[in-house]
Amino acid sequence: MNTKVRKIVIAGVMGGLSIILSVTPLGFLPMPTGVSLTTMHIPVIIGAVLEGPVVGVVIGFIFGVFSLLRAAIAPQGPADVWFVNPLVSIVPRLFIGLAAWLIYRALRKLHDVPAIIAAGIAGSLTNTVLVLGVLGLLKKLPWLGIMSIAAVNGLPEAGLSAVITFAIVASWKKIETRRRGSSV
């Protein structure tokens, strides 16, 4: 398949998946602690690792726009009012794929497995830090609350992102995950 066509297809598929996650409960996985883990940033990371930063930015834009639309049209809670602001809902999401791709690119020469895992973590933490950072700068949340949210939600989201990103990218790239025999 032509490289340009492949990039468009991956961006379309991952963008579509991001939309599905944003409009269904699959985008928010409940935890026993009462908070939910967001999964909507994972297609952005996967797209960036597979096809580069431009594809990551495109998928991040799609994610951001649908985050804004969801907050405006079908708010789920009091914090959704903040996500009607594109500085909160769109701008931080443009950097998820870029961060994931930069980490993947820097580490892939060592080995693909840690590079993919690190990209999943970096992309997820980029989303958490930038969204919460903008909320802090806009004085919507106190900085102490932001640090608590980052620890309670951000760290488990980063772990989940690493696992899912690795499973999908390794499968796509047919990376061997064990010394003997099977590959993912």
N, C-alpha and C. Protein backbone atom coordinates (compact mmCIF):
# COMPACT_ATOMS: atom_id res chain seq x y z
N MET A 1 0.84 -1.18 0.00
CA MET A 1 0.00 0.00 0.00
C MET A 1 0.89 1.24 0.00
N ASN A 2 0.49 2.22 -0.77
CA ASN A 2 1.18 3.50 -0.83
C ASN A 2 1.28 4.10 0.57
N THR A 3 2.45 4.67 0.91
CA THR A 3 2.69 5.22 2.25
C THR A 3 1.69 6.32 2.59
N LYS A 4 1.39 7.19 1.63
CA LYS A 4 0.45 8.28 1.88
C LYS A 4 -0.96 7.72 2.14
N VAL A 5 -1.36 6.75 1.35
CA VAL A 5 -2.67 6.12 1.53
C VAL A 5 -2.73 5.42 2.89
N ARG A 6 -1.66 4.74 3.24
CA ARG A 6 -1.61 4.03 4.53
C ARG A 6 -1.77 5.02 5.69
N LYS A 7 -1.09 6.16 5.62
CA LYS A 7 -1.22 7.18 6.67
C LYS A 7 -2.66 7.68 6.77
N ILE A 8 -3.29 7.92 5.65
CA ILE A 8 -4.68 8.38 5.64
C ILE A 8 -5.61 7.32 6.23
N VAL A 9 -5.38 6.07 5.87
CA VAL A 9 -6.21 4.98 6.39
C VAL A 9 -6.04 4.83 7.91
N ILE A 10 -4.79 4.82 8.37
CA ILE A 10 -4.53 4.70 9.81
C ILE A 10 -5.14 5.89 10.55
N ALA A 11 -4.97 7.10 10.02
CA ALA A 11 -5.55 8.29 10.66
C ALA A 11 -7.07 8.18 10.71
N GLY A 12 -7.67 7.70 9.64
CA GLY A 12 -9.13 7.55 9.60
C GLY A 12 -9.64 6.50 10.57
N VAL A 13 -8.99 5.35 10.58
CA VAL A 13 -9.41 4.26 11.48
C VAL A 13 -9.21 4.65 12.94
N MET A 14 -8.05 5.18 13.27
CA MET A 14 -7.78 5.56 14.66
C MET A 14 -8.62 6.77 15.07
N GLY A 15 -8.84 7.70 14.15
CA GLY A 15 -9.72 8.84 14.44
C GLY A 15 -11.14 8.36 14.69
N GLY A 16 -11.61 7.41 13.87
CA GLY A 16 -12.94 6.82 14.07
C GLY A 16 -13.05 6.11 15.40
N LEU A 17 -12.00 5.38 15.76
CA LEU A 17 -11.98 4.68 17.05
C LEU A 17 -12.01 5.69 18.21
N SER A 18 -11.29 6.78 18.05
CA SER A 18 -11.29 7.83 19.07
C SER A 18 -12.70 8.41 19.24
N ILE A 19 -13.40 8.61 18.13
CA ILE A 19 -14.78 9.11 18.18
C ILE A 19 -15.68 8.11 18.90
N ILE A 20 -15.57 6.84 18.55
CA ILE A 20 -16.38 5.80 19.20
C ILE A 20 -16.13 5.79 20.71
N LEU A 21 -14.86 5.88 21.10
CA LEU A 21 -14.52 5.90 22.52
C LEU A 21 -15.10 7.13 23.21
N SER A 22 -15.14 8.26 22.50
CA SER A 22 -15.62 9.50 23.13
C SER A 22 -17.13 9.54 23.29
N VAL A 23 -17.86 8.78 22.49
CA VAL A 23 -19.32 8.83 22.57
C VAL A 23 -19.93 7.59 23.22
N THR A 24 -19.09 6.68 23.68
CA THR A 24 -19.58 5.48 24.36
C THR A 24 -18.90 5.36 25.73
N PRO A 25 -19.42 4.51 26.58
CA PRO A 25 -18.78 4.29 27.89
C PRO A 25 -17.40 3.65 27.78
N LEU A 26 -17.02 3.13 26.62
CA LEU A 26 -15.71 2.51 26.46
C LEU A 26 -14.58 3.52 26.62
N GLY A 27 -14.88 4.79 26.46
CA GLY A 27 -13.87 5.83 26.63
C GLY A 27 -13.56 6.14 28.08
N PHE A 28 -14.38 5.62 28.98
CA PHE A 28 -14.22 5.88 30.42
C PHE A 28 -14.41 4.58 31.17
N LEU A 29 -13.33 3.95 31.59
CA LEU A 29 -13.41 2.69 32.31
C LEU A 29 -13.46 2.95 33.81
N PRO A 30 -14.56 2.54 34.47
CA PRO A 30 -14.67 2.80 35.91
C PRO A 30 -13.68 1.98 36.72
N MET A 31 -13.17 2.60 37.79
CA MET A 31 -12.27 1.91 38.72
C MET A 31 -12.97 1.75 40.06
N PRO A 32 -12.51 0.80 40.87
CA PRO A 32 -13.13 0.61 42.18
C PRO A 32 -13.04 1.85 43.08
N THR A 33 -12.10 2.74 42.79
CA THR A 33 -11.93 3.95 43.61
C THR A 33 -13.01 4.99 43.34
N GLY A 34 -13.82 4.76 42.31
CA GLY A 34 -14.87 5.71 41.97
C GLY A 34 -14.52 6.64 40.84
N VAL A 35 -13.26 6.66 40.41
CA VAL A 35 -12.86 7.47 39.27
C VAL A 35 -12.85 6.60 38.02
N SER A 36 -12.81 7.25 36.87
CA SER A 36 -12.77 6.52 35.61
C SER A 36 -11.46 6.78 34.89
N LEU A 37 -10.96 5.74 34.23
CA LEU A 37 -9.76 5.89 33.41
C LEU A 37 -10.18 6.22 31.99
N THR A 38 -9.58 7.26 31.44
CA THR A 38 -9.87 7.66 30.07
C THR A 38 -9.03 6.84 29.11
N THR A 39 -9.66 6.35 28.04
CA THR A 39 -8.95 5.56 27.03
C THR A 39 -8.92 6.26 25.67
N MET A 40 -9.54 7.41 25.56
CA MET A 40 -9.70 8.07 24.26
C MET A 40 -8.39 8.53 23.64
N HIS A 41 -7.35 8.68 24.44
CA HIS A 41 -6.06 9.14 23.91
C HIS A 41 -5.24 7.99 23.30
N ILE A 42 -5.62 6.76 23.56
CA ILE A 42 -4.83 5.62 23.10
C ILE A 42 -4.77 5.51 21.57
N PRO A 43 -5.86 5.72 20.83
CA PRO A 43 -5.73 5.70 19.36
C PRO A 43 -4.76 6.76 18.83
N VAL A 44 -4.67 7.89 19.51
CA VAL A 44 -3.73 8.95 19.10
C VAL A 44 -2.30 8.41 19.20
N ILE A 45 -2.01 7.77 20.31
CA ILE A 45 -0.67 7.22 20.55
C ILE A 45 -0.35 6.14 19.52
N ILE A 46 -1.27 5.24 19.32
CA ILE A 46 -1.06 4.13 18.37
C ILE A 46 -0.83 4.68 16.96
N GLY A 47 -1.65 5.62 16.55
CA GLY A 47 -1.49 6.21 15.22
C GLY A 47 -0.15 6.88 15.04
N ALA A 48 0.30 7.59 16.08
CA ALA A 48 1.60 8.27 16.01
C ALA A 48 2.75 7.29 15.95
N VAL A 49 2.68 6.23 16.75
CA VAL A 49 3.76 5.23 16.75
C VAL A 49 3.81 4.52 15.40
N LEU A 50 2.65 4.19 14.84
CA LEU A 50 2.62 3.47 13.57
C LEU A 50 2.97 4.34 12.37
N GLU A 51 2.51 5.60 12.38
CA GLU A 51 2.62 6.41 11.16
C GLU A 51 3.25 7.79 11.33
N GLY A 52 3.67 8.16 12.52
CA GLY A 52 4.40 9.41 12.69
C GLY A 52 3.60 10.54 13.31
N PRO A 53 4.29 11.67 13.49
CA PRO A 53 3.70 12.78 14.25
C PRO A 53 2.53 13.46 13.56
N VAL A 54 2.53 13.56 12.25
CA VAL A 54 1.42 14.24 11.56
C VAL A 54 0.13 13.45 11.77
N VAL A 55 0.21 12.14 11.63
CA VAL A 55 -0.97 11.30 11.85
C VAL A 55 -1.40 11.42 13.32
N GLY A 56 -0.46 11.46 14.24
CA GLY A 56 -0.79 11.64 15.65
C GLY A 56 -1.50 12.95 15.92
N VAL A 57 -1.04 14.02 15.29
CA VAL A 57 -1.67 15.33 15.48
C VAL A 57 -3.09 15.33 14.89
N VAL A 58 -3.27 14.71 13.73
CA VAL A 58 -4.61 14.64 13.12
C VAL A 58 -5.58 13.88 14.03
N ILE A 59 -5.16 12.74 14.53
CA ILE A 59 -6.03 11.95 15.42
C ILE A 59 -6.26 12.71 16.73
N GLY A 60 -5.23 13.37 17.24
CA GLY A 60 -5.38 14.19 18.44
C GLY A 60 -6.39 15.31 18.23
N PHE A 61 -6.38 15.90 17.05
CA PHE A 61 -7.35 16.95 16.72
C PHE A 61 -8.77 16.38 16.72
N ILE A 62 -8.94 15.21 16.11
CA ILE A 62 -10.25 14.56 16.10
C ILE A 62 -10.70 14.28 17.53
N PHE A 63 -9.82 13.73 18.34
CA PHE A 63 -10.13 13.46 19.74
C PHE A 63 -10.54 14.74 20.45
N GLY A 64 -9.79 15.81 20.26
CA GLY A 64 -10.08 17.09 20.92
C GLY A 64 -11.42 17.68 20.50
N VAL A 65 -11.69 17.65 19.20
CA VAL A 65 -12.96 18.20 18.70
C VAL A 65 -14.14 17.42 19.29
N PHE A 66 -14.03 16.11 19.32
CA PHE A 66 -15.14 15.32 19.86
C PHE A 66 -15.23 15.45 21.38
N SER A 67 -14.14 15.72 22.04
CA SER A 67 -14.18 16.01 23.47
C SER A 67 -14.95 17.31 23.70
N LEU A 68 -14.67 18.32 22.89
CA LEU A 68 -15.36 19.60 22.99
C LEU A 68 -16.85 19.43 22.69
N LEU A 69 -17.17 18.71 21.60
CA LEU A 69 -18.57 18.50 21.22
C LEU A 69 -19.33 17.73 22.30
N ARG A 70 -18.72 16.71 22.84
CA ARG A 70 -19.36 15.92 23.89
C ARG A 70 -19.66 16.79 25.11
N ALA A 71 -18.71 17.64 25.48
CA ALA A 71 -18.90 18.52 26.62
C ALA A 71 -20.01 19.54 26.36
N ALA A 72 -20.12 20.01 25.11
CA ALA A 72 -21.11 21.02 24.76
C ALA A 72 -22.51 20.43 24.57
N ILE A 73 -22.58 19.25 23.95
CA ILE A 73 -23.87 18.68 23.57
C ILE A 73 -24.44 17.74 24.62
N ALA A 74 -23.58 16.92 25.20
CA ALA A 74 -24.05 15.91 26.16
C ALA A 74 -23.14 15.87 27.38
N PRO A 75 -23.11 16.93 28.16
CA PRO A 75 -22.22 16.94 29.32
C PRO A 75 -22.56 15.83 30.32
N GLN A 76 -21.51 15.26 30.90
CA GLN A 76 -21.68 14.15 31.83
C GLN A 76 -21.50 14.57 33.29
N GLY A 77 -20.92 15.74 33.50
CA GLY A 77 -20.67 16.20 34.86
C GLY A 77 -20.32 17.67 34.89
N PRO A 78 -20.12 18.21 36.07
CA PRO A 78 -19.86 19.65 36.19
C PRO A 78 -18.55 20.11 35.54
N ALA A 79 -17.57 19.24 35.42
CA ALA A 79 -16.29 19.63 34.82
C ALA A 79 -16.38 19.79 33.31
N ASP A 80 -17.44 19.26 32.70
CA ASP A 80 -17.56 19.35 31.25
C ASP A 80 -17.63 20.79 30.75
N VAL A 81 -18.11 21.69 31.57
CA VAL A 81 -18.17 23.09 31.16
C VAL A 81 -16.78 23.62 30.80
N TRP A 82 -15.74 23.12 31.44
CA TRP A 82 -14.38 23.55 31.14
C TRP A 82 -13.91 23.07 29.77
N PHE A 83 -14.43 21.91 29.32
CA PHE A 83 -13.98 21.31 28.08
C PHE A 83 -14.64 21.91 26.84
N VAL A 84 -15.53 22.87 27.03
CA VAL A 84 -16.09 23.60 25.91
C VAL A 84 -15.04 24.60 25.40
N ASN A 85 -14.06 24.89 26.21
CA ASN A 85 -12.95 25.76 25.83
C ASN A 85 -11.93 24.95 25.02
N PRO A 86 -11.65 25.34 23.76
CA PRO A 86 -10.68 24.59 22.94
C PRO A 86 -9.27 24.53 23.53
N LEU A 87 -8.92 25.50 24.40
CA LEU A 87 -7.60 25.44 25.06
C LEU A 87 -7.50 24.23 25.98
N VAL A 88 -8.63 23.75 26.47
CA VAL A 88 -8.66 22.59 27.35
C VAL A 88 -8.91 21.31 26.56
N SER A 89 -9.86 21.36 25.62
CA SER A 89 -10.29 20.14 24.95
C SER A 89 -9.49 19.79 23.70
N ILE A 90 -8.98 20.78 22.98
CA ILE A 90 -8.32 20.50 21.70
C ILE A 90 -6.80 20.66 21.76
N VAL A 91 -6.32 21.81 22.19
CA VAL A 91 -4.89 22.11 22.11
C VAL A 91 -4.01 21.05 22.79
N PRO A 92 -4.31 20.63 24.03
CA PRO A 92 -3.43 19.62 24.65
C PRO A 92 -3.40 18.30 23.86
N ARG A 93 -4.49 17.96 23.21
CA ARG A 93 -4.58 16.69 22.50
C ARG A 93 -3.72 16.67 21.24
N LEU A 94 -3.35 17.85 20.74
CA LEU A 94 -2.48 17.92 19.57
C LEU A 94 -1.07 17.44 19.88
N PHE A 95 -0.69 17.47 21.15
CA PHE A 95 0.67 17.12 21.56
C PHE A 95 0.83 15.66 21.99
N ILE A 96 -0.28 14.93 22.14
CA ILE A 96 -0.20 13.53 22.59
C ILE A 96 0.61 12.70 21.60
N GLY A 97 0.22 12.75 20.34
CA GLY A 97 0.89 11.96 19.32
C GLY A 97 2.33 12.40 19.10
N LEU A 98 2.57 13.69 19.17
CA LEU A 98 3.92 14.21 18.99
C LEU A 98 4.84 13.67 20.09
N ALA A 99 4.40 13.74 21.33
CA ALA A 99 5.21 13.24 22.45
C ALA A 99 5.45 11.73 22.32
N ALA A 100 4.39 10.99 22.01
CA ALA A 100 4.52 9.53 21.87
C ALA A 100 5.49 9.18 20.75
N TRP A 101 5.38 9.87 19.62
CA TRP A 101 6.26 9.59 18.49
C TRP A 101 7.71 9.93 18.82
N LEU A 102 7.94 11.07 19.48
CA LEU A 102 9.32 11.46 19.82
C LEU A 102 9.97 10.43 20.74
N ILE A 103 9.24 9.95 21.73
CA ILE A 103 9.78 8.94 22.65
C ILE A 103 10.01 7.63 21.90
N TYR A 104 9.04 7.23 21.08
CA TYR A 104 9.20 5.98 20.31
C TYR A 104 10.42 6.08 19.39
N ARG A 105 10.54 7.18 18.70
CA ARG A 105 11.64 7.36 17.75
C ARG A 105 13.00 7.35 18.47
N ALA A 106 13.05 7.98 19.63
CA ALA A 106 14.31 8.04 20.39
C ALA A 106 14.72 6.67 20.92
N LEU A 107 13.75 5.83 21.29
CA LEU A 107 14.06 4.56 21.95
C LEU A 107 14.03 3.33 21.03
N ARG A 108 13.44 3.44 19.87
CA ARG A 108 13.27 2.25 19.02
C ARG A 108 14.59 1.65 18.55
N LYS A 109 15.65 2.46 18.50
CA LYS A 109 16.96 1.95 18.10
C LYS A 109 17.49 0.95 19.13
N LEU A 110 17.11 1.16 20.40
CA LEU A 110 17.53 0.24 21.45
C LEU A 110 16.75 -1.07 21.33
N HIS A 111 15.42 -0.95 21.30
CA HIS A 111 14.54 -2.11 21.14
C HIS A 111 13.11 -1.62 21.00
N ASP A 112 12.35 -2.27 20.14
CA ASP A 112 10.97 -1.84 19.89
C ASP A 112 10.06 -1.98 21.12
N VAL A 113 10.23 -3.03 21.90
CA VAL A 113 9.31 -3.28 23.02
C VAL A 113 9.32 -2.14 24.04
N PRO A 114 10.47 -1.77 24.62
CA PRO A 114 10.44 -0.65 25.56
C PRO A 114 10.07 0.67 24.90
N ALA A 115 10.39 0.82 23.62
CA ALA A 115 10.05 2.05 22.90
C ALA A 115 8.54 2.21 22.81
N ILE A 116 7.84 1.15 22.50
CA ILE A 116 6.37 1.20 22.38
C ILE A 116 5.74 1.45 23.75
N ILE A 117 6.22 0.75 24.77
CA ILE A 117 5.69 0.93 26.12
C ILE A 117 5.92 2.36 26.60
N ALA A 118 7.12 2.87 26.40
CA ALA A 118 7.44 4.24 26.81
C ALA A 118 6.60 5.26 26.03
N ALA A 119 6.34 5.00 24.76
CA ALA A 119 5.49 5.90 23.96
C ALA A 119 4.07 5.93 24.52
N GLY A 120 3.56 4.76 24.92
CA GLY A 120 2.23 4.71 25.52
C GLY A 120 2.15 5.53 26.80
N ILE A 121 3.17 5.40 27.62
CA ILE A 121 3.22 6.16 28.88
C ILE A 121 3.36 7.66 28.60
N ALA A 122 4.28 8.02 27.71
CA ALA A 122 4.53 9.43 27.41
C ALA A 122 3.31 10.12 26.81
N GLY A 123 2.64 9.45 25.89
CA GLY A 123 1.44 10.04 25.28
C GLY A 123 0.35 10.26 26.30
N SER A 124 0.14 9.27 27.15
CA SER A 124 -0.88 9.38 28.18
C SER A 124 -0.56 10.50 29.18
N LEU A 125 0.67 10.53 29.65
CA LEU A 125 1.05 11.57 30.61
C LEU A 125 1.02 12.96 29.98
N THR A 126 1.30 13.05 28.69
CA THR A 126 1.20 14.34 27.99
C THR A 126 -0.24 14.84 28.05
N ASN A 127 -1.19 13.95 27.79
CA ASN A 127 -2.60 14.32 27.87
C ASN A 127 -2.94 14.80 29.28
N THR A 128 -2.57 14.03 30.28
CA THR A 128 -2.89 14.36 31.67
C THR A 128 -2.26 15.69 32.08
N VAL A 129 -0.97 15.83 31.85
CA VAL A 129 -0.25 17.02 32.30
C VAL A 129 -0.75 18.28 31.58
N LEU A 130 -0.95 18.20 30.28
CA LEU A 130 -1.36 19.39 29.55
C LEU A 130 -2.80 19.80 29.85
N VAL A 131 -3.72 18.84 29.89
CA VAL A 131 -5.12 19.20 30.20
C VAL A 131 -5.21 19.77 31.61
N LEU A 132 -4.62 19.08 32.58
CA LEU A 132 -4.67 19.58 33.96
C LEU A 132 -3.89 20.88 34.11
N GLY A 133 -2.79 20.99 33.39
CA GLY A 133 -2.00 22.22 33.44
C GLY A 133 -2.78 23.42 32.93
N VAL A 134 -3.50 23.24 31.83
CA VAL A 134 -4.33 24.33 31.31
C VAL A 134 -5.43 24.68 32.31
N LEU A 135 -6.05 23.67 32.90
CA LEU A 135 -7.07 23.94 33.92
C LEU A 135 -6.49 24.70 35.11
N GLY A 136 -5.26 24.39 35.47
CA GLY A 136 -4.60 25.13 36.55
C GLY A 136 -4.30 26.56 36.15
N LEU A 137 -3.78 26.75 34.94
CA LEU A 137 -3.46 28.10 34.47
C LEU A 137 -4.70 28.97 34.33
N LEU A 138 -5.82 28.34 33.97
CA LEU A 138 -7.09 29.07 33.87
C LEU A 138 -7.78 29.23 35.22
N LYS A 139 -7.13 28.71 36.26
CA LYS A 139 -7.64 28.79 37.64
C LYS A 139 -8.99 28.10 37.82
N LYS A 140 -9.18 26.99 37.10
CA LYS A 140 -10.41 26.20 37.24
C LYS A 140 -10.28 25.20 38.38
N LEU A 141 -9.05 24.80 38.67
CA LEU A 141 -8.77 23.85 39.74
C LEU A 141 -7.55 24.33 40.53
N PRO A 142 -7.52 24.04 41.82
CA PRO A 142 -6.31 24.38 42.59
C PRO A 142 -5.19 23.40 42.25
N TRP A 143 -3.95 23.87 42.35
CA TRP A 143 -2.81 23.04 41.97
C TRP A 143 -2.70 21.78 42.81
N LEU A 144 -3.09 21.85 44.08
CA LEU A 144 -3.06 20.65 44.93
C LEU A 144 -4.05 19.60 44.41
N GLY A 145 -5.22 20.07 44.00
CA GLY A 145 -6.21 19.16 43.42
C GLY A 145 -5.72 18.56 42.11
N ILE A 146 -5.03 19.35 41.33
CA ILE A 146 -4.48 18.88 40.05
C ILE A 146 -3.47 17.76 40.29
N MET A 147 -2.62 17.94 41.30
CA MET A 147 -1.63 16.90 41.61
C MET A 147 -2.31 15.61 42.07
N SER A 148 -3.38 15.74 42.83
CA SER A 148 -4.12 14.56 43.28
C SER A 148 -4.76 13.83 42.11
N ILE A 149 -5.39 14.59 41.22
CA ILE A 149 -6.02 13.98 40.05
C ILE A 149 -4.97 13.29 39.18
N ALA A 150 -3.83 13.96 38.99
CA ALA A 150 -2.76 13.38 38.18
C ALA A 150 -2.29 12.05 38.77
N ALA A 151 -2.17 11.98 40.08
CA ALA A 151 -1.70 10.74 40.72
C ALA A 151 -2.77 9.65 40.67
N VAL A 152 -4.01 10.00 41.00
CA VAL A 152 -5.08 9.00 41.09
C VAL A 152 -5.53 8.53 39.71
N ASN A 153 -5.64 9.44 38.76
CA ASN A 153 -6.10 9.07 37.42
C ASN A 153 -4.96 8.91 36.42
N GLY A 154 -4.03 9.87 36.45
CA GLY A 154 -3.00 9.92 35.42
C GLY A 154 -2.06 8.73 35.40
N LEU A 155 -1.63 8.29 36.56
CA LEU A 155 -0.69 7.16 36.59
C LEU A 155 -1.33 5.84 36.15
N PRO A 156 -2.54 5.50 36.64
CA PRO A 156 -3.17 4.28 36.12
C PRO A 156 -3.50 4.37 34.63
N GLU A 157 -3.90 5.56 34.17
CA GLU A 157 -4.17 5.74 32.73
C GLU A 157 -2.90 5.49 31.92
N ALA A 158 -1.77 5.96 32.42
CA ALA A 158 -0.50 5.76 31.71
C ALA A 158 -0.16 4.27 31.64
N GLY A 159 -0.39 3.55 32.73
CA GLY A 159 -0.14 2.10 32.73
C GLY A 159 -1.05 1.38 31.76
N LEU A 160 -2.34 1.71 31.78
CA LEU A 160 -3.30 1.11 30.87
C LEU A 160 -2.94 1.43 29.42
N SER A 161 -2.56 2.66 29.18
CA SER A 161 -2.16 3.09 27.85
C SER A 161 -0.95 2.31 27.35
N ALA A 162 0.02 2.10 28.22
CA ALA A 162 1.22 1.34 27.85
C ALA A 162 0.87 -0.08 27.45
N VAL A 163 0.00 -0.72 28.23
CA VAL A 163 -0.38 -2.12 27.95
C VAL A 163 -1.15 -2.23 26.64
N ILE A 164 -2.17 -1.38 26.46
CA ILE A 164 -2.99 -1.46 25.24
C ILE A 164 -2.18 -1.05 24.02
N THR A 165 -1.39 0.01 24.14
CA THR A 165 -0.55 0.44 23.01
C THR A 165 0.40 -0.67 22.61
N PHE A 166 1.05 -1.27 23.60
CA PHE A 166 1.99 -2.35 23.28
C PHE A 166 1.27 -3.52 22.60
N ALA A 167 0.14 -3.94 23.15
CA ALA A 167 -0.58 -5.09 22.58
C ALA A 167 -0.95 -4.85 21.12
N ILE A 168 -1.46 -3.66 20.82
CA ILE A 168 -1.91 -3.38 19.46
C ILE A 168 -0.75 -3.15 18.51
N VAL A 169 0.22 -2.34 18.91
CA VAL A 169 1.35 -2.04 18.02
C VAL A 169 2.21 -3.29 17.81
N ALA A 170 2.44 -4.05 18.87
CA ALA A 170 3.23 -5.28 18.73
C ALA A 170 2.53 -6.25 17.79
N SER A 171 1.24 -6.35 17.92
CA SER A 171 0.47 -7.23 17.03
C SER A 171 0.58 -6.74 15.59
N TRP A 172 0.42 -5.45 15.41
CA TRP A 172 0.50 -4.87 14.07
C TRP A 172 1.88 -5.09 13.46
N LYS A 173 2.92 -4.90 14.27
CA LYS A 173 4.29 -5.03 13.77
C LYS A 173 4.82 -6.46 13.88
N LYS A 174 4.02 -7.34 14.47
CA LYS A 174 4.40 -8.74 14.66
C LYS A 174 5.70 -8.88 15.45
N ILE A 175 5.78 -8.17 16.55
CA ILE A 175 6.95 -8.23 17.42
C ILE A 175 6.87 -9.48 18.28
N GLU A 176 7.97 -10.19 18.37
CA GLU A 176 8.00 -11.35 19.26
C GLU A 176 8.08 -10.87 20.68
N THR A 177 7.21 -11.43 21.54
CA THR A 177 7.19 -11.02 22.93
C THR A 177 7.83 -12.07 23.85
N ARG A 178 8.15 -13.21 23.29
CA ARG A 178 8.83 -14.26 24.07
C ARG A 178 10.01 -14.76 23.25
N ARG A 179 10.95 -15.35 23.97
CA ARG A 179 12.13 -15.90 23.27
C ARG A 179 11.76 -17.12 22.44
N ARG A 180 10.95 -17.97 23.02
CA ARG A 180 10.62 -19.21 22.33
C ARG A 180 9.20 -19.15 21.80
N GLY A 181 9.07 -19.35 20.53
CA GLY A 181 7.77 -19.61 19.97
C GLY A 181 6.91 -18.42 19.60
N SER A 182 5.89 -18.23 20.37
CA SER A 182 4.79 -17.39 19.92
C SER A 182 5.16 -15.93 19.77
N SER A 183 4.41 -15.28 18.94
CA SER A 183 4.51 -13.85 18.81
C SER A 183 3.10 -13.29 18.95
N VAL A 184 3.02 -12.02 19.34
CA VAL A 184 1.72 -11.40 19.57
C VAL A 184 1.06 -11.15 18.25
